[in-house]
Amino acid sequence: MKVYHDSEIDYLSIDFTDEVESKSVFKDGIIIRYNKKVHVIGVDITDSMKLFASSDMMTLQEACAFLGISESTMRRKIRHGKIKFVKQGKDYRFKKSAIINLAA
């Protein structure tokens, strides 16, 4: 895994593999990069300091979008104890650092 941050343009890039990008999806300042088999090979975040400084917690939907996984996959990870969370009512909240560690 490679992590690159350019503070001049406030851009964070996390490469999970060195594979060739076949497709990417951009939403809310987050770019998820995929290979030909539609596996996530990397994540890019524009305005990264704003994203991480805004709050230390992420919702279930935000965490899933960041990781490029479905809510059912994330719920399985929760059930199997693969990620720590806080429950606020019926909603799950995750520390951003835990989500980044899970991505790694």
PDB file of N, CA and C in Angstrom:
ATOM      1  N   MET A   1       0.847  -1.177   0.000  1.00  0.00           N
ATOM      2  CA  MET A   1       0.000   0.000   0.000  1.00  0.00           C
ATOM      3  C   MET A   1       0.893   1.241   0.000  1.00  0.00           C
ATOM      4  N   LYS A   2       0.479   2.227  -0.784  1.00  0.00           N
ATOM      5  CA  LYS A   2       1.192   3.497  -0.840  1.00  0.00           C
ATOM      6  C   LYS A   2       0.229   4.621  -0.489  1.00  0.00           C
ATOM      7  N   VAL A   3       0.693   5.542   0.348  1.00  0.00           N
ATOM      8  CA  VAL A   3      -0.110   6.701   0.719  1.00  0.00           C
ATOM      9  C   VAL A   3       0.674   7.939   0.316  1.00  0.00           C
ATOM     10  N   TYR A   4      -0.004   8.852  -0.373  1.00  0.00           N
ATOM     11  CA  TYR A   4       0.633  10.083  -0.831  1.00  0.00           C
ATOM     12  C   TYR A   4      -0.275  11.256  -0.499  1.00  0.00           C
ATOM     13  N   HIS A   5       0.294  12.301   0.123  1.00  0.00           N
ATOM     14  CA  HIS A   5      -0.475  13.506   0.415  1.00  0.00           C
ATOM     15  C   HIS A   5       0.272  14.706  -0.142  1.00  0.00           C
ATOM     16  N   ASP A   6      -0.427  15.497  -0.952  1.00  0.00           N
ATOM     17  CA  ASP A   6       0.129  16.735  -1.486  1.00  0.00           C
ATOM     18  C   ASP A   6      -0.547  17.883  -0.746  1.00  0.00           C
ATOM     19  N   SER A   7       0.174  18.488   0.184  1.00  0.00           N
ATOM     20  CA  SER A   7      -0.423  19.536   1.019  1.00  0.00           C
ATOM     21  C   SER A   7      -0.700  20.816   0.238  1.00  0.00           C
ATOM     22  N   GLU A   8       0.038  21.061  -0.857  1.00  0.00           N
ATOM     23  CA  GLU A   8      -0.192  22.279  -1.639  1.00  0.00           C
ATOM     24  C   GLU A   8      -1.579  22.295  -2.274  1.00  0.00           C
ATOM     25  N   ILE A   9      -2.019  21.140  -2.758  1.00  0.00           N
ATOM     26  CA  ILE A   9      -3.354  21.074  -3.365  1.00  0.00           C
ATOM     27  C   ILE A   9      -4.341  20.306  -2.496  1.00  0.00           C
ATOM     28  N   ASP A  10      -3.893  19.886  -1.291  1.00  0.00           N
ATOM     29  CA  ASP A  10      -4.734  19.190  -0.320  1.00  0.00           C
ATOM     30  C   ASP A  10      -5.384  17.954  -0.938  1.00  0.00           C
ATOM     31  N   TYR A  11      -4.533  17.038  -1.381  1.00  0.00           N
ATOM     32  CA  TYR A  11      -4.961  15.838  -2.094  1.00  0.00           C
ATOM     33  C   TYR A  11      -4.320  14.626  -1.446  1.00  0.00           C
ATOM     34  N   LEU A  12      -5.125  13.620  -1.109  1.00  0.00           N
ATOM     35  CA  LEU A  12      -4.635  12.384  -0.504  1.00  0.00           C
ATOM     36  C   LEU A  12      -4.924  11.234  -1.448  1.00  0.00           C
ATOM     37  N   SER A  13      -3.927  10.408  -1.690  1.00  0.00           N
ATOM     38  CA  SER A  13      -4.088   9.243  -2.555  1.00  0.00           C
ATOM     39  C   SER A  13      -3.624   8.003  -1.799  1.00  0.00           C
ATOM     40  N   ILE A  14      -4.448   6.972  -1.805  1.00  0.00           N
ATOM     41  CA  ILE A  14      -4.105   5.697  -1.173  1.00  0.00           C
ATOM     42  C   ILE A  14      -4.197   4.629  -2.253  1.00  0.00           C
ATOM     43  N   ASP A  15      -3.064   3.999  -2.568  1.00  0.00           N
ATOM     44  CA  ASP A  15      -3.018   2.924  -3.559  1.00  0.00           C
ATOM     45  C   ASP A  15      -2.900   1.602  -2.826  1.00  0.00           C
ATOM     46  N   PHE A  16      -3.848   0.707  -3.054  1.00  0.00           N
ATOM     47  CA  PHE A  16      -3.818  -0.607  -2.424  1.00  0.00           C
ATOM     48  C   PHE A  16      -2.963  -1.586  -3.223  1.00  0.00           C
ATOM     49  N   THR A  17      -2.962  -1.415  -4.550  1.00  0.00           N
ATOM     50  CA  THR A  17      -2.155  -2.252  -5.437  1.00  0.00           C
ATOM     51  C   THR A  17      -1.583  -1.372  -6.540  1.00  0.00           C
ATOM     52  N   ASP A  18      -0.672  -1.938  -7.331  1.00  0.00           N
ATOM     53  CA  ASP A  18      -0.082  -1.217  -8.453  1.00  0.00           C
ATOM     54  C   ASP A  18      -0.789  -1.539  -9.765  1.00  0.00           C
ATOM     55  N   GLU A  19      -2.001  -2.071  -9.694  1.00  0.00           N
ATOM     56  CA  GLU A  19      -2.727  -2.458 -10.899  1.00  0.00           C
ATOM     57  C   GLU A  19      -3.148  -1.237 -11.712  1.00  0.00           C
ATOM     58  N   VAL A  20      -3.499  -1.492 -12.959  1.00  0.00           N
ATOM     59  CA  VAL A  20      -3.928  -0.434 -13.865  1.00  0.00           C
ATOM     60  C   VAL A  20      -5.401  -0.111 -13.599  1.00  0.00           C
ATOM     61  N   GLU A  21      -5.687   1.177 -13.509  1.00  0.00           N
ATOM     62  CA  GLU A  21      -7.062   1.637 -13.285  1.00  0.00           C
ATOM     63  C   GLU A  21      -7.888   1.436 -14.549  1.00  0.00           C
ATOM     64  N   SER A  22      -9.066   0.852 -14.372  1.00  0.00           N
ATOM     65  CA  SER A  22      -9.975   0.650 -15.493  1.00  0.00           C
ATOM     66  C   SER A  22     -11.176   1.583 -15.413  1.00  0.00           C
ATOM     67  N   LYS A  23     -11.563   1.933 -14.182  1.00  0.00           N
ATOM     68  CA  LYS A  23     -12.751   2.763 -13.964  1.00  0.00           C
ATOM     69  C   LYS A  23     -12.564   3.523 -12.665  1.00  0.00           C
ATOM     70  N   SER A  24     -13.167   4.705 -12.585  1.00  0.00           N
ATOM     71  CA  SER A  24     -13.167   5.439 -11.323  1.00  0.00           C
ATOM     72  C   SER A  24     -14.522   6.103 -11.138  1.00  0.00           C
ATOM     73  N   VAL A  25     -14.880   6.288  -9.879  1.00  0.00           N
ATOM     74  CA  VAL A  25     -16.151   6.917  -9.527  1.00  0.00           C
ATOM     75  C   VAL A  25     -15.851   8.063  -8.571  1.00  0.00           C
ATOM     76  N   PHE A  26     -16.384   9.248  -8.870  1.00  0.00           N
ATOM     77  CA  PHE A  26     -16.165  10.433  -8.050  1.00  0.00           C
ATOM     78  C   PHE A  26     -17.473  10.848  -7.400  1.00  0.00           C
ATOM     79  N   LYS A  27     -17.448  11.026  -6.074  1.00  0.00           N
ATOM     80  CA  LYS A  27     -18.630  11.511  -5.368  1.00  0.00           C
ATOM     81  C   LYS A  27     -18.179  12.221  -4.101  1.00  0.00           C
ATOM     82  N   ASP A  28     -18.669  13.425  -3.911  1.00  0.00           N
ATOM     83  CA  ASP A  28     -18.415  14.193  -2.694  1.00  0.00           C
ATOM     84  C   ASP A  28     -16.934  14.314  -2.343  1.00  0.00           C
ATOM     85  N   GLY A  29     -16.093  14.512  -3.352  1.00  0.00           N
ATOM     86  CA  GLY A  29     -14.678  14.717  -3.107  1.00  0.00           C
ATOM     87  C   GLY A  29     -13.869  13.448  -2.927  1.00  0.00           C
ATOM     88  N   ILE A  30     -14.495  12.284  -3.119  1.00  0.00           N
ATOM     89  CA  ILE A  30     -13.802  11.006  -2.970  1.00  0.00           C
ATOM     90  C   ILE A  30     -13.838  10.277  -4.306  1.00  0.00           C
ATOM     91  N   ILE A  31     -12.678   9.818  -4.740  1.00  0.00           N
ATOM     92  CA  ILE A  31     -12.564   9.060  -5.985  1.00  0.00           C
ATOM     93  C   ILE A  31     -12.190   7.630  -5.620  1.00  0.00           C
ATOM     94  N   ILE A  32     -13.015   6.689  -6.050  1.00  0.00           N
ATOM     95  CA  ILE A  32     -12.728   5.265  -5.855  1.00  0.00           C
ATOM     96  C   ILE A  32     -12.236   4.729  -7.196  1.00  0.00           C
ATOM     97  N   ARG A  33     -11.043   4.123  -7.211  1.00  0.00           N
ATOM     98  CA  ARG A  33     -10.472   3.594  -8.444  1.00  0.00           C
ATOM     99  C   ARG A  33     -10.579   2.073  -8.468  1.00  0.00           C
ATOM    100  N   TYR A  34     -10.978   1.526  -9.634  1.00  0.00           N
ATOM    101  CA  TYR A  34     -11.213   0.091  -9.799  1.00  0.00           C
ATOM    102  C   TYR A  34     -10.328  -0.482 -10.916  1.00  0.00           C
ATOM    103  N   ASN A  35     -10.033  -1.787 -10.828  1.00  0.00           N
ATOM    104  CA  ASN A  35      -9.345  -2.473 -11.922  1.00  0.00           C
ATOM    105  C   ASN A  35     -10.384  -3.091 -12.863  1.00  0.00           C
ATOM    106  N   LYS A  36      -9.933  -3.884 -13.857  1.00  0.00           N
ATOM    107  CA  LYS A  36     -10.854  -4.484 -14.831  1.00  0.00           C
ATOM    108  C   LYS A  36     -11.859  -5.430 -14.181  1.00  0.00           C
ATOM    109  N   LYS A  37     -11.473  -6.055 -13.072  1.00  0.00           N
ATOM    110  CA  LYS A  37     -12.368  -7.000 -12.385  1.00  0.00           C
ATOM    111  C   LYS A  37     -13.271  -6.296 -11.377  1.00  0.00           C
ATOM    112  N   VAL A  38     -13.275  -4.972 -11.403  1.00  0.00           N
ATOM    113  CA  VAL A  38     -14.079  -4.107 -10.535  1.00  0.00           C
ATOM    114  C   VAL A  38     -13.728  -4.293  -9.056  1.00  0.00           C
ATOM    115  N   HIS A  39     -12.444  -4.525  -8.774  1.00  0.00           N
ATOM    116  CA  HIS A  39     -11.936  -4.540  -7.409  1.00  0.00           C
ATOM    117  C   HIS A  39     -11.341  -3.170  -7.117  1.00  0.00           C
ATOM    118  N   VAL A  40     -11.522  -2.682  -5.903  1.00  0.00           N
ATOM    119  CA  VAL A  40     -10.980  -1.376  -5.525  1.00  0.00           C
ATOM    120  C   VAL A  40      -9.460  -1.472  -5.460  1.00  0.00           C
ATOM    121  N   ILE A  41      -8.792  -0.589  -6.212  1.00  0.00           N
ATOM    122  CA  ILE A  41      -7.327  -0.574  -6.202  1.00  0.00           C
ATOM    123  C   ILE A  41      -6.774   0.682  -5.541  1.00  0.00           C
ATOM    124  N   GLY A  42      -7.658   1.676  -5.301  1.00  0.00           N
ATOM    125  CA  GLY A  42      -7.184   2.888  -4.656  1.00  0.00           C
ATOM    126  C   GLY A  42      -8.294   3.871  -4.363  1.00  0.00           C
ATOM    127  N   VAL A  43      -7.973   4.826  -3.500  1.00  0.00           N
ATOM    128  CA  VAL A  43      -8.907   5.872  -3.101  1.00  0.00           C
ATOM    129  C   VAL A  43      -8.164   7.202  -3.147  1.00  0.00           C
ATOM    130  N   ASP A  44      -8.790   8.210  -3.720  1.00  0.00           N
ATOM    131  CA  ASP A  44      -8.231   9.560  -3.742  1.00  0.00           C
ATOM    132  C   ASP A  44      -9.232  10.488  -3.071  1.00  0.00           C
ATOM    133  N   ILE A  45      -8.717  11.440  -2.315  1.00  0.00           N
ATOM    134  CA  ILE A  45      -9.589  12.374  -1.605  1.00  0.00           C
ATOM    135  C   ILE A  45      -9.133  13.793  -1.907  1.00  0.00           C
ATOM    136  N   THR A  46     -10.040  14.573  -2.497  1.00  0.00           N
ATOM    137  CA  THR A  46      -9.763  15.986  -2.724  1.00  0.00           C
ATOM    138  C   THR A  46     -10.175  16.741  -1.467  1.00  0.00           C
ATOM    139  N   ASP A  47      -9.561  17.851  -1.195  1.00  0.00           N
ATOM    140  CA  ASP A  47      -9.831  18.610   0.029  1.00  0.00           C
ATOM    141  C   ASP A  47      -9.749  17.699   1.250  1.00  0.00           C
ATOM    142  N   SER A  48      -8.685  16.917   1.318  1.00  0.00           N
ATOM    143  CA  SER A  48      -8.559  15.899   2.360  1.00  0.00           C
ATOM    144  C   SER A  48      -8.536  16.478   3.768  1.00  0.00           C
ATOM    145  N   MET A  49      -7.869  17.608   3.968  1.00  0.00           N
ATOM    146  CA  MET A  49      -7.808  18.175   5.312  1.00  0.00           C
ATOM    147  C   MET A  49      -9.183  18.646   5.775  1.00  0.00           C
ATOM    148  N   LYS A  50      -9.964  19.170   4.851  1.00  0.00           N
ATOM    149  CA  LYS A  50     -11.321  19.590   5.194  1.00  0.00           C
ATOM    150  C   LYS A  50     -12.168  18.374   5.584  1.00  0.00           C
ATOM    151  N   LEU A  51     -12.015  17.303   4.832  1.00  0.00           N
ATOM    152  CA  LEU A  51     -12.778  16.089   5.121  1.00  0.00           C
ATOM    153  C   LEU A  51     -12.410  15.525   6.487  1.00  0.00           C
ATOM    154  N   PHE A  52     -11.124  15.428   6.773  1.00  0.00           N
ATOM    155  CA  PHE A  52     -10.703  14.814   8.026  1.00  0.00           C
ATOM    156  C   PHE A  52     -10.794  15.760   9.211  1.00  0.00           C
ATOM    157  N   ALA A  53     -10.739  17.057   8.964  1.00  0.00           N
ATOM    158  CA  ALA A  53     -10.819  18.013  10.066  1.00  0.00           C
ATOM    159  C   ALA A  53     -12.261  18.325  10.456  1.00  0.00           C
ATOM    160  N   SER A  54     -13.208  18.054   9.556  1.00  0.00           N
ATOM    161  CA  SER A  54     -14.596  18.428   9.816  1.00  0.00           C
ATOM    162  C   SER A  54     -15.186  17.679  11.002  1.00  0.00           C
ATOM    163  N   SER A  55     -14.836  16.437  11.149  1.00  0.00           N
ATOM    164  CA  SER A  55     -15.338  15.633  12.251  1.00  0.00           C
ATOM    165  C   SER A  55     -14.469  14.394  12.352  1.00  0.00           C
ATOM    166  N   ASP A  56     -14.371  13.847  13.533  1.00  0.00           N
ATOM    167  CA  ASP A  56     -13.569  12.643  13.698  1.00  0.00           C
ATOM    168  C   ASP A  56     -14.388  11.391  13.400  1.00  0.00           C
ATOM    169  N   MET A  57     -15.691  11.538  13.183  1.00  0.00           N
ATOM    170  CA  MET A  57     -16.557  10.376  13.000  1.00  0.00           C
ATOM    171  C   MET A  57     -17.172  10.359  11.603  1.00  0.00           C
ATOM    172  N   MET A  58     -17.459   9.135  11.141  1.00  0.00           N
ATOM    173  CA  MET A  58     -18.123   8.934   9.849  1.00  0.00           C
ATOM    174  C   MET A  58     -19.387   8.113  10.077  1.00  0.00           C
ATOM    175  N   THR A  59     -20.391   8.372   9.255  1.00  0.00           N
ATOM    176  CA  THR A  59     -21.602   7.556   9.298  1.00  0.00           C
ATOM    177  C   THR A  59     -21.340   6.248   8.554  1.00  0.00           C
ATOM    178  N   LEU A  60     -22.267   5.321   8.660  1.00  0.00           N
ATOM    179  CA  LEU A  60     -22.166   4.059   7.945  1.00  0.00           C
ATOM    180  C   LEU A  60     -22.078   4.313   6.441  1.00  0.00           C
ATOM    181  N   GLN A  61     -22.915   5.215   5.942  1.00  0.00           N
ATOM    182  CA  GLN A  61     -22.944   5.507   4.514  1.00  0.00           C
ATOM    183  C   GLN A  61     -21.634   6.154   4.056  1.00  0.00           C
ATOM    184  N   GLU A  62     -21.104   7.081   4.841  1.00  0.00           N
ATOM    185  CA  GLU A  62     -19.836   7.727   4.496  1.00  0.00           C
ATOM    186  C   GLU A  62     -18.687   6.726   4.485  1.00  0.00           C
ATOM    187  N   ALA A  63     -18.669   5.845   5.488  1.00  0.00           N
ATOM    188  CA  ALA A  63     -17.609   4.837   5.573  1.00  0.00           C
ATOM    189  C   ALA A  63     -17.679   3.879   4.385  1.00  0.00           C
ATOM    190  N   CYS A  64     -18.877   3.464   4.015  1.00  0.00           N
ATOM    191  CA  CYS A  64     -19.047   2.556   2.877  1.00  0.00           C
ATOM    192  C   CYS A  64     -18.610   3.217   1.579  1.00  0.00           C
ATOM    193  N   ALA A  65     -18.966   4.473   1.402  1.00  0.00           N
ATOM    194  CA  ALA A  65     -18.565   5.202   0.195  1.00  0.00           C
ATOM    195  C   ALA A  65     -17.045   5.336   0.143  1.00  0.00           C
ATOM    196  N   PHE A  66     -16.424   5.644   1.271  1.00  0.00           N
ATOM    197  CA  PHE A  66     -14.978   5.788   1.331  1.00  0.00           C
ATOM    198  C   PHE A  66     -14.288   4.473   0.982  1.00  0.00           C
ATOM    199  N   LEU A  67     -14.810   3.363   1.519  1.00  0.00           N
ATOM    200  CA  LEU A  67     -14.201   2.051   1.302  1.00  0.00           C
ATOM    201  C   LEU A  67     -14.610   1.414  -0.022  1.00  0.00           C
ATOM    202  N   GLY A  68     -15.683   1.928  -0.623  1.00  0.00           N
ATOM    203  CA  GLY A  68     -16.171   1.340  -1.865  1.00  0.00           C
ATOM    204  C   GLY A  68     -16.827  -0.008  -1.660  1.00  0.00           C
ATOM    205  N   ILE A  69     -17.528  -0.160  -0.517  1.00  0.00           N
ATOM    206  CA  ILE A  69     -18.209  -1.420  -0.213  1.00  0.00           C
ATOM    207  C   ILE A  69     -19.682  -1.147   0.080  1.00  0.00           C
ATOM    208  N   SER A  70     -20.482  -2.197   0.062  1.00  0.00           N
ATOM    209  CA  SER A  70     -21.910  -2.054   0.345  1.00  0.00           C
ATOM    210  C   SER A  70     -22.149  -2.002   1.860  1.00  0.00           C
ATOM    211  N   GLU A  71     -23.341  -1.540   2.225  1.00  0.00           N
ATOM    212  CA  GLU A  71     -23.687  -1.498   3.653  1.00  0.00           C
ATOM    213  C   GLU A  71     -23.754  -2.905   4.240  1.00  0.00           C
ATOM    214  N   SER A  72     -24.220  -3.878   3.458  1.00  0.00           N
ATOM    215  CA  SER A  72     -24.300  -5.249   3.985  1.00  0.00           C
ATOM    216  C   SER A  72     -22.901  -5.810   4.264  1.00  0.00           C
ATOM    217  N   THR A  73     -21.931  -5.473   3.421  1.00  0.00           N
ATOM    218  CA  THR A  73     -20.551  -5.910   3.670  1.00  0.00           C
ATOM    219  C   THR A  73     -20.021  -5.265   4.942  1.00  0.00           C
ATOM    220  N   MET A  74     -20.298  -3.990   5.125  1.00  0.00           N
ATOM    221  CA  MET A  74     -19.842  -3.288   6.330  1.00  0.00           C
ATOM    222  C   MET A  74     -20.513  -3.866   7.568  1.00  0.00           C
ATOM    223  N   ARG A  75     -21.799  -4.173   7.480  1.00  0.00           N
ATOM    224  CA  ARG A  75     -22.499  -4.764   8.629  1.00  0.00           C
ATOM    225  C   ARG A  75     -21.904  -6.134   8.995  1.00  0.00           C
ATOM    226  N   ARG A  76     -21.469  -6.899   7.983  1.00  0.00           N
ATOM    227  CA  ARG A  76     -20.795  -8.179   8.256  1.00  0.00           C
ATOM    228  C   ARG A  76     -19.492  -7.935   9.007  1.00  0.00           C
ATOM    229  N   LYS A  77     -18.736  -6.920   8.583  1.00  0.00           N
ATOM    230  CA  LYS A  77     -17.479  -6.594   9.266  1.00  0.00           C
ATOM    231  C   LYS A  77     -17.743  -6.191  10.724  1.00  0.00           C
ATOM    232  N   ILE A  78     -18.847  -5.483  10.944  1.00  0.00           N
ATOM    233  CA  ILE A  78     -19.228  -5.087  12.310  1.00  0.00           C
ATOM    234  C   ILE A  78     -19.546  -6.325  13.134  1.00  0.00           C
ATOM    235  N   ARG A  79     -20.380  -7.223  12.581  1.00  0.00           N
ATOM    236  CA  ARG A  79     -20.764  -8.444  13.301  1.00  0.00           C
ATOM    237  C   ARG A  79     -19.563  -9.316  13.656  1.00  0.00           C
ATOM    238  N   HIS A  80     -18.571  -9.354  12.750  1.00  0.00           N
ATOM    239  CA  HIS A  80     -17.394 -10.200  12.967  1.00  0.00           C
ATOM    240  C   HIS A  80     -16.298  -9.489  13.774  1.00  0.00           C
ATOM    241  N   GLY A  81     -16.595  -8.272  14.260  1.00  0.00           N
ATOM    242  CA  GLY A  81     -15.651  -7.557  15.105  1.00  0.00           C
ATOM    243  C   GLY A  81     -14.430  -7.018  14.368  1.00  0.00           C
ATOM    244  N   LYS A  82     -14.539  -6.790  13.062  1.00  0.00           N
ATOM    245  CA  LYS A  82     -13.403  -6.315  12.269  1.00  0.00           C
ATOM    246  C   LYS A  82     -13.224  -4.804  12.348  1.00  0.00           C
ATOM    247  N   ILE A  83     -14.222  -4.105  12.906  1.00  0.00           N
ATOM    248  CA  ILE A  83     -14.118  -2.650  13.029  1.00  0.00           C
ATOM    249  C   ILE A  83     -14.835  -2.184  14.292  1.00  0.00           C
ATOM    250  N   LYS A  84     -14.232  -1.225  14.973  1.00  0.00           N
ATOM    251  CA  LYS A  84     -14.864  -0.650  16.161  1.00  0.00           C
ATOM    252  C   LYS A  84     -15.863   0.408  15.734  1.00  0.00           C
ATOM    253  N   PHE A  85     -16.916   0.547  16.508  1.00  0.00           N
ATOM    254  CA  PHE A  85     -17.956   1.517  16.175  1.00  0.00           C
ATOM    255  C   PHE A  85     -18.608   2.038  17.445  1.00  0.00           C
ATOM    256  N   VAL A  86     -19.359   3.104  17.270  1.00  0.00           N
ATOM    257  CA  VAL A  86     -20.193   3.667  18.329  1.00  0.00           C
ATOM    258  C   VAL A  86     -21.592   3.689  17.757  1.00  0.00           C
ATOM    259  N   LYS A  87     -22.560   3.331  18.554  1.00  0.00           N
ATOM    260  CA  LYS A  87     -23.929   3.341  18.078  1.00  0.00           C
ATOM    261  C   LYS A  87     -24.660   4.532  18.677  1.00  0.00           C
ATOM    262  N   GLN A  88     -25.258   5.344  17.814  1.00  0.00           N
ATOM    263  CA  GLN A  88     -26.068   6.486  18.245  1.00  0.00           C
ATOM    264  C   GLN A  88     -27.491   6.201  17.794  1.00  0.00           C
ATOM    265  N   GLY A  89     -28.304   5.722  18.728  1.00  0.00           N
ATOM    266  CA  GLY A  89     -29.642   5.266  18.357  1.00  0.00           C
ATOM    267  C   GLY A  89     -29.510   4.027  17.495  1.00  0.00           C
ATOM    268  N   LYS A  90     -30.048   4.080  16.276  1.00  0.00           N
ATOM    269  CA  LYS A  90     -29.917   2.957  15.341  1.00  0.00           C
ATOM    270  C   LYS A  90     -28.742   3.144  14.388  1.00  0.00           C
ATOM    271  N   ASP A  91     -28.077   4.288  14.475  1.00  0.00           N
ATOM    272  CA  ASP A  91     -27.009   4.620  13.522  1.00  0.00           C
ATOM    273  C   ASP A  91     -25.641   4.216  14.052  1.00  0.00           C
ATOM    274  N   TYR A  92     -24.801   3.721  13.141  1.00  0.00           N
ATOM    275  CA  TYR A  92     -23.415   3.406  13.454  1.00  0.00           C
ATOM    276  C   TYR A  92     -22.552   4.614  13.141  1.00  0.00           C
ATOM    277  N   ARG A  93     -21.521   4.847  13.959  1.00  0.00           N
ATOM    278  CA  ARG A  93     -20.526   5.882  13.723  1.00  0.00           C
ATOM    279  C   ARG A  93     -19.155   5.228  13.871  1.00  0.00           C
ATOM    280  N   PHE A  94     -18.223   5.658  13.013  1.00  0.00           N
ATOM    281  CA  PHE A  94     -16.886   5.079  13.002  1.00  0.00           C
ATOM    282  C   PHE A  94     -15.852   6.196  13.054  1.00  0.00           C
ATOM    283  N   LYS A  95     -14.771   5.969  13.767  1.00  0.00           N
ATOM    284  CA  LYS A  95     -13.664   6.923  13.747  1.00  0.00           C
ATOM    285  C   LYS A  95     -13.038   6.865  12.361  1.00  0.00           C
ATOM    286  N   LYS A  96     -12.711   8.040  11.836  1.00  0.00           N
ATOM    287  CA  LYS A  96     -12.094   8.092  10.506  1.00  0.00           C
ATOM    288  C   LYS A  96     -10.789   7.305  10.475  1.00  0.00           C
ATOM    289  N   SER A  97     -10.039   7.357  11.552  1.00  0.00           N
ATOM    290  CA  SER A  97      -8.774   6.621  11.588  1.00  0.00           C
ATOM    291  C   SER A  97      -9.012   5.108  11.480  1.00  0.00           C
ATOM    292  N   ALA A  98     -10.110   4.621  12.065  1.00  0.00           N
ATOM    293  CA  ALA A  98     -10.428   3.186  11.976  1.00  0.00           C
ATOM    294  C   ALA A  98     -10.792   2.794  10.539  1.00  0.00           C
ATOM    295  N   ILE A  99     -11.491   3.683   9.844  1.00  0.00           N
ATOM    296  CA  ILE A  99     -11.873   3.407   8.457  1.00  0.00           C
ATOM    297  C   ILE A  99     -10.644   3.404   7.577  1.00  0.00           C
ATOM    298  N   ILE A 100      -9.724   4.336   7.796  1.00  0.00           N
ATOM    299  CA  ILE A 100      -8.491   4.362   7.014  1.00  0.00           C
ATOM    300  C   ILE A 100      -7.672   3.107   7.280  1.00  0.00           C
ATOM    301  N   ASN A 101      -7.600   2.664   8.541  1.00  0.00           N
ATOM    302  CA  ASN A 101      -6.886   1.437   8.869  1.00  0.00           C
ATOM    303  C   ASN A 101      -7.537   0.230   8.219  1.00  0.00           C
ATOM    304  N   LEU A 102      -8.863   0.200   8.168  1.00  0.00           N
ATOM    305  CA  LEU A 102      -9.568  -0.897   7.525  1.00  0.00           C
ATOM    306  C   LEU A 102      -9.263  -0.917   6.032  1.00  0.00           C
ATOM    307  N   ALA A 103      -9.168   0.266   5.432  1.00  0.00           N
ATOM    308  CA  ALA A 103      -8.855   0.348   4.002  1.00  0.00           C
ATOM    309  C   ALA A 103      -7.445  -0.196   3.721  1.00  0.00           C
ATOM    310  N   ALA A 104      -6.556   0.018   4.683  1.00  0.00           N
ATOM    311  CA  ALA A 104      -5.182  -0.453   4.496  1.00  0.00           C
ATOM    312  C   ALA A 104      -5.128  -1.959   4.577  1.00  0.00           C
TER     313      ALA A 104
END
